[in-house]
């Protein structure tokens, strides 16, 4: 099969790794020819497909054309979060509070926000690619109405009931996102580390920002995407330069683009992101679904299990201290492979590569290496990119590359291949 190199899809930062998985996932699931395979070479994702002609420029444009004209966004929404776009803001009067000097609130939530406006824009859109998104948003609004919610549920038990009700009515297409964002157990709702606490990083709601970025790269009225979107896409996929990056938040996935002190040659800089990076990053995070497992007979409730995730330790990196490890939210070990595999095989790998968080986890990175070394050798993994979810300025967490890639040195690594791979 012919191939193209996606120079914009690299193992670091974490946003770029997830973007690479998102590209493979969407092409494999939404293009009629399901022959797409991918592997890592020289720190870039390489795509193989029988639909590629061998003319690089033509094949690159074929991939771009799919995302600009045919890509159907996964319905991603989190109505259990306050910034999800399902709840209006409380109005304010013209009178000022004598103590705080701020305008006195009316006590009535009737003011739209940027988040609510983008939800309504998607619902009102005529683009056929957003039909499933519109249906999911409408179902969520109905459940919100059934619970008579004027704001996001704060009570844990109420939120649990709300989420269970959502799962009961949402179609399968929406459940893929729910499985990645949270899991319901007998002890209540649990949140895997990749999506913060159910799809948000502090005040940043990933789901509504995903909708906003869609509005910037896709015309919500069904017209053709503009030149800016095409340029951004070339930058996201192939690493080409593009003007007009946006001052938007990207959260914990790429802290280098978040702006702030030391973000540029001056004292500080504003955030600068490519909206296609954000869209494809969220799409690529969906394969990391959590599960509740029972590790011991005396454990009636089970523990949270998440692909290639352990508790964080400072070992293996000269830039981390003991305090960094104590405040971290776990480590993610992302597999890298050098032989062409399909998306289905990647999903199978992620479903097998679980290391439980909670009771009796791997104590440190060495234990994690021992736990996955045999699996990685048999599956053709040559290395893992290690990330720690560390506390940064503002008490928000951001993944940081820890040390160099771990190289698997087992003789079986080079002698084995993925099933049904060339």
Protein backbone atom coordinates (compact mmCIF):
# COMPACT_ATOMS: atom_id res chain seq x y z
CA UNK A 1 0.00 0.00 0.00
CA UNK A 2 1.09 3.58 -0.64
CA UNK A 3 1.76 5.88 2.28
CA UNK A 4 1.94 9.50 3.36
CA UNK A 5 3.72 11.01 6.36
CA UNK A 6 1.79 13.24 8.74
CA UNK A 7 4.63 15.46 9.94
CA UNK A 8 2.21 17.43 12.11
CA UNK A 9 1.25 14.32 14.12
CA UNK A 10 4.13 13.68 16.52
CA UNK A 11 4.37 11.77 19.84
CA UNK A 12 4.78 15.03 21.78
CA UNK A 13 3.03 16.99 23.12
CA UNK A 14 0.17 14.82 24.33
CA UNK A 15 -2.27 16.82 22.17
CA UNK A 16 -0.33 15.81 19.06
CA UNK A 17 -0.26 12.12 20.01
CA UNK A 18 -4.03 12.13 20.53
CA UNK A 19 -4.45 14.03 17.27
CA UNK A 20 -2.64 11.23 15.44
CA UNK A 21 -5.00 8.65 16.93
CA UNK A 22 -7.94 10.86 16.00
CA UNK A 23 -6.90 10.99 12.36
CA UNK A 24 -6.55 7.20 12.16
CA UNK A 25 -9.83 6.64 14.01
CA UNK A 26 -11.91 8.99 11.86
CA UNK A 27 -10.48 7.83 8.54
CA UNK A 28 -10.96 4.17 9.51
CA UNK A 29 -14.54 4.64 10.70
CA UNK A 30 -15.91 7.17 8.22
CA UNK A 31 -14.20 6.43 4.90
CA UNK A 32 -15.80 3.63 2.88
CA UNK A 33 -12.43 1.95 2.29
CA UNK A 34 -11.40 0.64 5.73
CA UNK A 35 -7.86 -0.26 4.70
CA UNK A 36 -6.12 2.48 6.67
CA UNK A 37 -3.11 1.48 8.74
CA UNK A 38 -0.61 3.60 10.63
CA UNK A 39 2.75 3.40 12.36
CA UNK A 40 5.38 5.72 13.82
CA UNK A 41 8.54 6.55 11.93
CA UNK A 42 11.05 9.28 12.79
CA UNK A 43 8.67 10.82 15.35
CA UNK A 44 5.81 11.21 12.87
CA UNK A 45 2.72 9.16 12.07
CA UNK A 46 2.74 7.40 8.71
CA UNK A 47 -0.58 6.49 7.06
CA UNK A 48 -1.00 3.61 4.64
CA UNK A 49 -4.08 2.98 2.50
CA UNK A 50 -5.11 1.32 -0.73
CA UNK A 51 -6.89 4.55 -1.74
CA UNK A 52 -3.56 6.41 -1.92
CA UNK A 53 -2.28 6.77 -5.47
CA UNK A 54 1.40 7.19 -4.68
CA UNK A 55 1.38 10.88 -5.65
CA UNK A 56 2.05 12.53 -2.31
CA UNK A 57 0.44 15.89 -3.04
CA UNK A 58 -2.71 14.27 -4.41
CA UNK A 59 -2.95 11.84 -1.47
CA UNK A 60 -2.45 14.61 1.07
CA UNK A 61 -5.23 16.60 -0.56
CA UNK A 62 -7.47 13.50 -0.45
CA UNK A 63 -7.07 13.36 3.32
CA UNK A 64 -7.67 17.10 3.66
CA UNK A 65 -10.77 16.88 1.48
CA UNK A 66 -12.26 14.25 3.77
CA UNK A 67 -11.93 16.41 6.88
CA UNK A 68 -13.15 19.57 5.17
CA UNK A 69 -16.14 18.05 3.36
CA UNK A 70 -17.07 14.64 4.78
CA UNK A 71 -15.90 14.50 8.40
CA UNK A 72 -18.80 13.86 10.81
CA UNK A 73 -17.93 15.08 14.32
CA UNK A 74 -18.50 12.71 17.21
CA UNK A 75 -21.33 14.01 19.45
CA UNK A 76 -19.38 15.22 22.47
CA UNK A 77 -21.28 16.97 25.27
CA UNK A 78 -21.26 17.14 29.06
CA UNK A 79 -24.54 18.55 30.42
CA UNK A 80 -23.43 17.65 33.95
CA UNK A 81 -20.88 20.51 33.76
CA UNK A 82 -21.73 24.16 34.38
CA UNK A 83 -19.82 25.42 31.33
CA UNK A 84 -21.27 22.86 28.93
CA UNK A 85 -23.68 25.27 27.25
CA UNK A 86 -26.90 23.81 28.68
CA UNK A 87 -27.42 26.42 31.41
CA UNK A 88 -28.09 30.14 31.19
CA UNK A 89 -26.25 32.69 33.28
CA UNK A 90 -27.81 34.60 36.15
CA UNK A 91 -28.86 38.13 35.19
CA UNK A 92 -27.67 41.31 36.91
CA UNK A 93 -29.35 44.55 37.82
CA UNK A 94 -27.87 48.03 37.36
CA UNK A 95 -27.59 48.50 41.12
CA UNK A 96 -24.21 47.99 42.77
CA UNK A 97 -23.56 46.10 45.96
CA UNK A 98 -22.39 48.57 48.63
CA UNK A 99 -19.75 46.14 49.92
CA UNK A 100 -18.35 44.46 46.83
CA UNK A 101 -19.07 47.20 44.30
CA UNK A 102 -20.38 44.60 41.85
CA UNK A 103 -23.76 44.56 40.16
CA UNK A 104 -26.46 42.83 42.19
CA UNK A 105 -27.70 39.58 40.64
CA UNK A 106 -31.37 39.09 39.86
CA UNK A 107 -31.50 35.47 41.00
CA UNK A 108 -32.95 34.44 37.63
CA UNK A 109 -30.91 32.50 35.08
CA UNK A 110 -32.00 34.02 31.78
CA UNK A 111 -28.81 35.34 30.19
CA UNK A 112 -27.15 33.43 27.32
CA UNK A 113 -23.42 32.76 27.36
CA UNK A 114 -20.91 31.95 24.65
CA UNK A 115 -21.33 28.29 25.62
CA UNK A 116 -25.13 28.32 25.27
CA UNK A 117 -24.90 30.20 21.98
CA UNK A 118 -22.69 27.57 20.33
CA UNK A 119 -25.04 24.77 21.47
CA UNK A 120 -27.97 26.61 19.91
CA UNK A 121 -25.93 27.26 16.75
CA UNK A 122 -25.30 23.54 16.25
CA UNK A 123 -28.95 22.72 16.91
CA UNK A 124 -30.01 25.36 14.35
CA UNK A 125 -27.44 24.28 11.73
CA UNK A 126 -28.46 22.57 8.50
CA UNK A 127 -25.22 20.65 7.90
CA UNK A 128 -26.04 16.96 7.48
CA UNK A 129 -22.70 16.06 9.08
CA UNK A 130 -24.01 17.45 12.38
CA UNK A 131 -27.33 15.56 12.36
CA UNK A 132 -26.27 13.10 15.10
CA UNK A 133 -24.78 15.95 17.10
CA UNK A 134 -28.07 17.87 16.91
CA UNK A 135 -30.05 14.80 17.98
CA UNK A 136 -27.76 14.21 20.98
CA UNK A 137 -27.96 17.83 22.11
CA UNK A 138 -31.75 17.76 21.90
CA UNK A 139 -31.93 14.58 23.99
CA UNK A 140 -29.64 16.12 26.61
CA UNK A 141 -31.81 19.24 26.77
CA UNK A 142 -34.86 17.04 27.34
CA UNK A 143 -33.18 15.23 30.24
CA UNK A 144 -32.12 18.58 31.73
CA UNK A 145 -35.76 19.67 31.50
CA UNK A 146 -36.99 16.43 33.09
CA UNK A 147 -34.70 17.03 36.07
CA UNK A 148 -35.80 20.68 36.17
CA UNK A 149 -32.19 21.83 36.29
CA UNK A 150 -31.42 25.54 36.08
CA UNK A 151 -27.76 24.94 36.71
CA UNK A 152 -25.41 21.96 36.66
CA UNK A 153 -26.10 19.42 39.42
CA UNK A 154 -23.76 19.99 42.37
CA UNK A 155 -24.96 17.18 44.60
CA UNK A 156 -23.08 13.94 43.94
CA UNK A 157 -26.15 11.72 44.17
CA UNK A 158 -28.15 14.03 41.90
CA UNK A 159 -25.33 14.09 39.35
CA UNK A 160 -25.14 10.29 39.42
CA UNK A 161 -28.87 9.97 38.74
CA UNK A 162 -28.62 12.55 36.00
CA UNK A 163 -25.77 10.73 34.26
CA UNK A 164 -27.57 7.39 34.51
CA UNK A 165 -30.65 8.98 32.92
CA UNK A 166 -28.49 10.33 30.10
CA UNK A 167 -26.98 6.92 29.40
CA UNK A 168 -30.47 5.45 29.21
CA UNK A 169 -31.62 7.74 26.38
CA UNK A 170 -28.50 8.63 24.40
CA UNK A 171 -27.69 6.55 21.28
CA UNK A 172 -24.57 4.41 21.00
CA UNK A 173 -22.70 7.13 19.13
CA UNK A 174 -22.82 9.32 22.25
CA UNK A 175 -21.85 6.54 24.66
CA UNK A 176 -18.36 6.33 23.18
CA UNK A 177 -17.69 9.78 24.63
CA UNK A 178 -19.34 8.98 27.96
CA UNK A 179 -17.16 5.89 28.40
CA UNK A 180 -14.04 8.01 27.89
CA UNK A 181 -15.14 10.86 30.17
CA UNK A 182 -16.55 9.01 33.18
CA UNK A 183 -17.72 5.70 34.57
CA UNK A 184 -20.56 4.96 36.98
CA UNK A 185 -19.89 2.51 39.80
CA UNK A 186 -21.73 1.50 42.96
CA UNK A 187 -19.69 4.17 44.77
CA UNK A 188 -20.81 6.88 42.36
CA UNK A 189 -19.35 8.49 39.27
CA UNK A 190 -15.59 8.18 38.75
CA UNK A 191 -13.47 10.28 36.43
CA UNK A 192 -10.46 8.99 34.43
CA UNK A 193 -7.45 11.35 34.39
CA UNK A 194 -7.34 12.23 30.70
CA UNK A 195 -10.52 14.35 30.74
CA UNK A 196 -10.16 15.93 34.17
CA UNK A 197 -13.37 15.64 36.17
CA UNK A 198 -15.83 14.55 33.53
CA UNK A 199 -14.77 16.65 30.54
CA UNK A 200 -13.36 19.76 32.12
CA UNK A 201 -10.03 21.11 33.38
CA UNK A 202 -11.00 23.58 36.09
CA UNK A 203 -13.29 26.12 34.41
CA UNK A 204 -12.37 24.92 30.91
CA UNK A 205 -15.09 22.67 29.51
CA UNK A 206 -13.58 20.48 26.79
CA UNK A 207 -16.92 19.61 25.22
CA UNK A 208 -18.15 23.15 24.62
CA UNK A 209 -14.72 24.23 23.44
CA UNK A 210 -14.86 21.30 21.02
CA UNK A 211 -18.14 22.70 19.67
CA UNK A 212 -16.64 26.18 19.39
CA UNK A 213 -13.62 24.90 17.48
CA UNK A 214 -15.96 22.98 15.14
CA UNK A 215 -17.67 26.25 14.39
CA UNK A 216 -14.31 27.72 13.38
CA UNK A 217 -13.23 24.92 11.04
CA UNK A 218 -16.62 23.83 9.68
CA UNK A 219 -19.36 26.12 8.42
CA UNK A 220 -22.37 25.31 10.60
CA UNK A 221 -24.71 26.21 7.74
CA UNK A 222 -23.29 23.53 5.47
CA UNK A 223 -21.26 25.78 3.17
CA UNK A 224 -17.71 24.97 2.14
CA UNK A 225 -14.98 25.64 4.67
CA UNK A 226 -12.86 28.69 4.05
CA UNK A 227 -9.18 29.03 3.22
CA UNK A 228 -8.27 29.55 6.88
CA UNK A 229 -9.64 26.14 7.79
CA UNK A 230 -7.71 24.53 4.92
CA UNK A 231 -4.48 26.21 6.04
CA UNK A 232 -5.03 25.17 9.65
CA UNK A 233 -5.67 21.60 8.55
CA UNK A 234 -2.44 21.47 6.53
CA UNK A 235 -0.62 22.71 9.60
CA UNK A 236 -2.29 20.15 11.88
CA UNK A 237 -1.64 17.19 9.59
CA UNK A 238 1.53 18.01 7.70
CA UNK A 239 3.29 20.61 9.86
CA UNK A 240 3.05 23.40 7.29
CA UNK A 241 3.05 27.01 8.44
CA UNK A 242 -0.32 28.73 8.76
CA UNK A 243 -1.22 32.28 9.80
CA UNK A 244 -3.92 33.36 12.19
CA UNK A 245 -3.69 30.97 15.13
CA UNK A 246 -6.39 31.65 17.69
CA UNK A 247 -6.17 32.96 21.24
CA UNK A 248 -8.12 30.07 22.72
CA UNK A 249 -7.64 27.61 25.57
CA UNK A 250 -6.33 24.08 24.99
CA UNK A 251 -6.24 22.83 28.57
CA UNK A 252 -3.95 20.19 29.98
CA UNK A 253 -3.07 18.55 26.66
CA UNK A 254 -0.53 21.08 25.38
CA UNK A 255 0.65 23.39 28.17
CA UNK A 256 3.23 24.99 25.88
CA UNK A 257 0.41 26.61 23.91
CA UNK A 258 -1.51 27.84 26.93
CA UNK A 259 0.42 31.10 27.12
CA UNK A 260 1.50 32.85 30.30
CA UNK A 261 4.99 33.51 31.74
CA UNK A 262 7.97 32.25 29.73
CA UNK A 263 5.72 31.27 26.82
CA UNK A 264 7.64 33.46 24.39
CA UNK A 265 10.78 35.55 24.04
CA UNK A 266 9.19 38.22 26.23
CA UNK A 267 7.89 38.00 29.78
CA UNK A 268 4.68 36.26 28.75
CA UNK A 269 2.50 35.50 25.74
CA UNK A 270 -1.12 34.81 24.92
CA UNK A 271 -2.38 31.35 24.00
CA UNK A 272 -2.08 30.40 20.33
CA UNK A 273 -3.74 27.23 19.09
CA UNK A 274 -4.81 25.63 15.86
CA UNK A 275 -8.54 24.79 16.13
CA UNK A 276 -8.07 21.61 14.05
CA UNK A 277 -5.52 20.45 16.65
CA UNK A 278 -8.16 20.73 19.37
CA UNK A 279 -10.86 18.99 17.33
CA UNK A 280 -8.68 16.04 16.30
CA UNK A 281 -7.16 15.81 19.78
CA UNK A 282 -10.55 15.27 21.42
CA UNK A 283 -11.53 12.77 18.71
CA UNK A 284 -8.33 10.85 19.37
CA UNK A 285 -8.88 10.66 23.12
CA UNK A 286 -12.10 8.65 22.80
CA UNK A 287 -10.39 5.22 22.48
CA UNK A 288 -9.11 5.66 26.05
CA UNK A 289 -12.26 4.34 27.70
CA UNK A 290 -12.30 3.50 31.40
CA UNK A 291 -13.64 0.38 33.06
CA UNK A 292 -14.49 -0.72 36.60
CA UNK A 293 -12.70 -3.93 37.52
CA UNK A 294 -12.52 -6.15 40.60
CA UNK A 295 -8.94 -6.88 41.53
CA UNK A 296 -9.55 -8.86 44.73
CA UNK A 297 -12.30 -11.06 46.13
CA UNK A 298 -12.71 -8.75 49.14
CA UNK A 299 -13.20 -5.69 46.94
CA UNK A 300 -16.99 -5.46 46.34
CA UNK A 301 -16.92 -2.11 44.55
CA UNK A 302 -14.02 -2.50 42.13
CA UNK A 303 -11.42 0.07 41.08
CA UNK A 304 -11.01 2.34 38.11
CA UNK A 305 -9.03 0.82 35.26
CA UNK A 306 -7.60 2.98 32.49
CA UNK A 307 -5.30 2.14 29.55
CA UNK A 308 -1.58 2.39 30.32
CA UNK A 309 -2.04 4.56 33.42
CA UNK A 310 -0.35 4.42 36.84
CA UNK A 311 0.35 6.64 39.78
CA UNK A 312 2.99 9.27 39.08
CA UNK A 313 6.54 9.12 40.40
CA UNK A 314 9.46 11.47 39.89
CA UNK A 315 11.92 8.71 38.96
CA UNK A 316 13.41 8.83 35.49
CA UNK A 317 13.36 12.62 35.11
CA UNK A 318 15.86 15.13 36.43
CA UNK A 319 13.31 17.95 36.17
CA UNK A 320 10.82 16.54 38.70
CA UNK A 321 10.95 16.83 42.45
CA UNK A 322 9.21 14.96 45.24
CA UNK A 323 6.56 17.66 45.47
CA UNK A 324 5.70 17.29 41.77
CA UNK A 325 4.96 13.61 42.24
CA UNK A 326 2.84 14.20 45.32
CA UNK A 327 0.57 16.67 43.51
CA UNK A 328 0.37 14.73 40.24
CA UNK A 329 -2.77 13.10 38.93
CA UNK A 330 -1.14 10.02 37.44
CA UNK A 331 1.09 9.01 34.56
CA UNK A 332 0.07 8.09 31.03
CA UNK A 333 2.29 5.77 28.99
CA UNK A 334 1.41 6.10 25.30
CA UNK A 335 2.48 3.16 23.10
CA UNK A 336 4.52 3.74 19.94
CA UNK A 337 4.83 1.07 17.25
CA UNK A 338 6.83 0.74 14.05
CA UNK A 339 4.68 -1.72 12.08
CA UNK A 340 1.46 -0.85 10.21
CA UNK A 341 -1.66 -1.57 12.27
CA UNK A 342 -5.35 -0.84 11.88
CA UNK A 343 -7.46 1.21 14.25
CA UNK A 344 -9.25 -1.94 15.41
CA UNK A 345 -5.91 -3.36 16.54
CA UNK A 346 -5.10 -0.17 18.44
CA UNK A 347 -8.45 -0.42 20.22
CA UNK A 348 -7.69 -4.02 21.14
CA UNK A 349 -4.29 -2.97 22.51
CA UNK A 350 -5.82 -0.22 24.64
CA UNK A 351 -8.45 -2.61 26.00
CA UNK A 352 -5.70 -5.01 27.11
CA UNK A 353 -3.21 -2.47 28.39
CA UNK A 354 -4.98 -1.55 31.62
CA UNK A 355 -3.15 -0.87 34.87
CA UNK A 356 -5.62 -0.17 37.68
CA UNK A 357 -5.59 3.05 39.69
CA UNK A 358 -6.43 2.80 43.36
CA UNK A 359 -5.87 -0.36 45.35
CA UNK A 360 -2.61 -2.19 44.72
CA UNK A 361 -1.53 -0.32 41.59
CA UNK A 362 1.94 -0.51 40.09
CA UNK A 363 4.08 1.20 42.71
CA UNK A 364 6.32 3.09 40.30
CA UNK A 365 7.47 3.32 36.70
CA UNK A 366 9.63 0.21 37.05
CA UNK A 367 6.62 -1.86 38.12
CA UNK A 368 4.69 -0.47 35.18
CA UNK A 369 7.45 -1.49 32.78
CA UNK A 370 7.39 -5.00 34.18
CA UNK A 371 3.61 -5.18 33.87
CA UNK A 372 3.44 -4.16 30.22
CA UNK A 373 6.79 -5.38 28.91
CA UNK A 374 5.52 -8.81 27.89
CA UNK A 375 2.35 -7.41 26.32
CA UNK A 376 4.33 -4.73 24.49
CA UNK A 377 6.81 -7.27 23.18
CA UNK A 378 4.13 -9.55 21.80
CA UNK A 379 2.22 -6.66 20.26
CA UNK A 380 5.16 -5.09 18.42
CA UNK A 381 5.48 -1.96 20.57
CA UNK A 382 8.99 -0.55 20.41
CA UNK A 383 8.63 2.29 22.91
CA UNK A 384 6.31 4.22 25.19
CA UNK A 385 6.03 7.97 25.56
CA UNK A 386 5.66 8.77 29.24
CA UNK A 387 3.57 11.71 30.45
CA UNK A 388 2.87 12.95 33.97
CA UNK A 389 -0.27 14.95 34.79
CA UNK A 390 1.44 17.53 36.99
CA UNK A 391 0.23 20.57 38.89
CA UNK A 392 1.07 23.85 37.18
CA UNK A 393 0.28 27.55 37.69
CA UNK A 394 -3.31 28.04 38.77
CA UNK A 395 -3.54 24.53 40.27
CA UNK A 396 -4.58 23.06 36.93
CA UNK A 397 -2.92 19.89 35.69
CA UNK A 398 -0.95 19.57 32.50
CA UNK A 399 0.86 16.59 30.97
CA UNK A 400 4.60 16.86 30.80
CA UNK A 401 6.95 14.61 28.92
CA UNK A 402 9.04 12.73 31.49
CA UNK A 403 12.49 11.81 30.27
CA UNK A 404 13.18 9.97 27.03
CA UNK A 405 11.09 7.27 25.45
CA UNK A 406 11.41 3.86 27.06
CA UNK A 407 12.89 1.37 24.61
CA UNK A 408 11.75 -2.22 24.83
CA UNK A 409 14.85 -4.43 24.63
CA UNK A 410 13.28 -7.87 24.68
CA UNK A 411 14.37 -10.06 21.73
CA UNK A 412 10.70 -10.95 21.26
CA UNK A 413 9.91 -7.33 20.41
CA UNK A 414 11.51 -7.41 17.00
CA UNK A 415 10.49 -10.98 16.27
CA UNK A 416 6.74 -10.57 16.73
CA UNK A 417 4.12 -8.66 14.72
CA UNK A 418 0.55 -7.49 15.15
CA UNK A 419 -2.08 -10.02 14.03
CA UNK A 420 -2.96 -9.80 10.34
CA UNK A 421 -0.40 -7.06 9.68
CA UNK A 422 1.87 -6.88 6.68
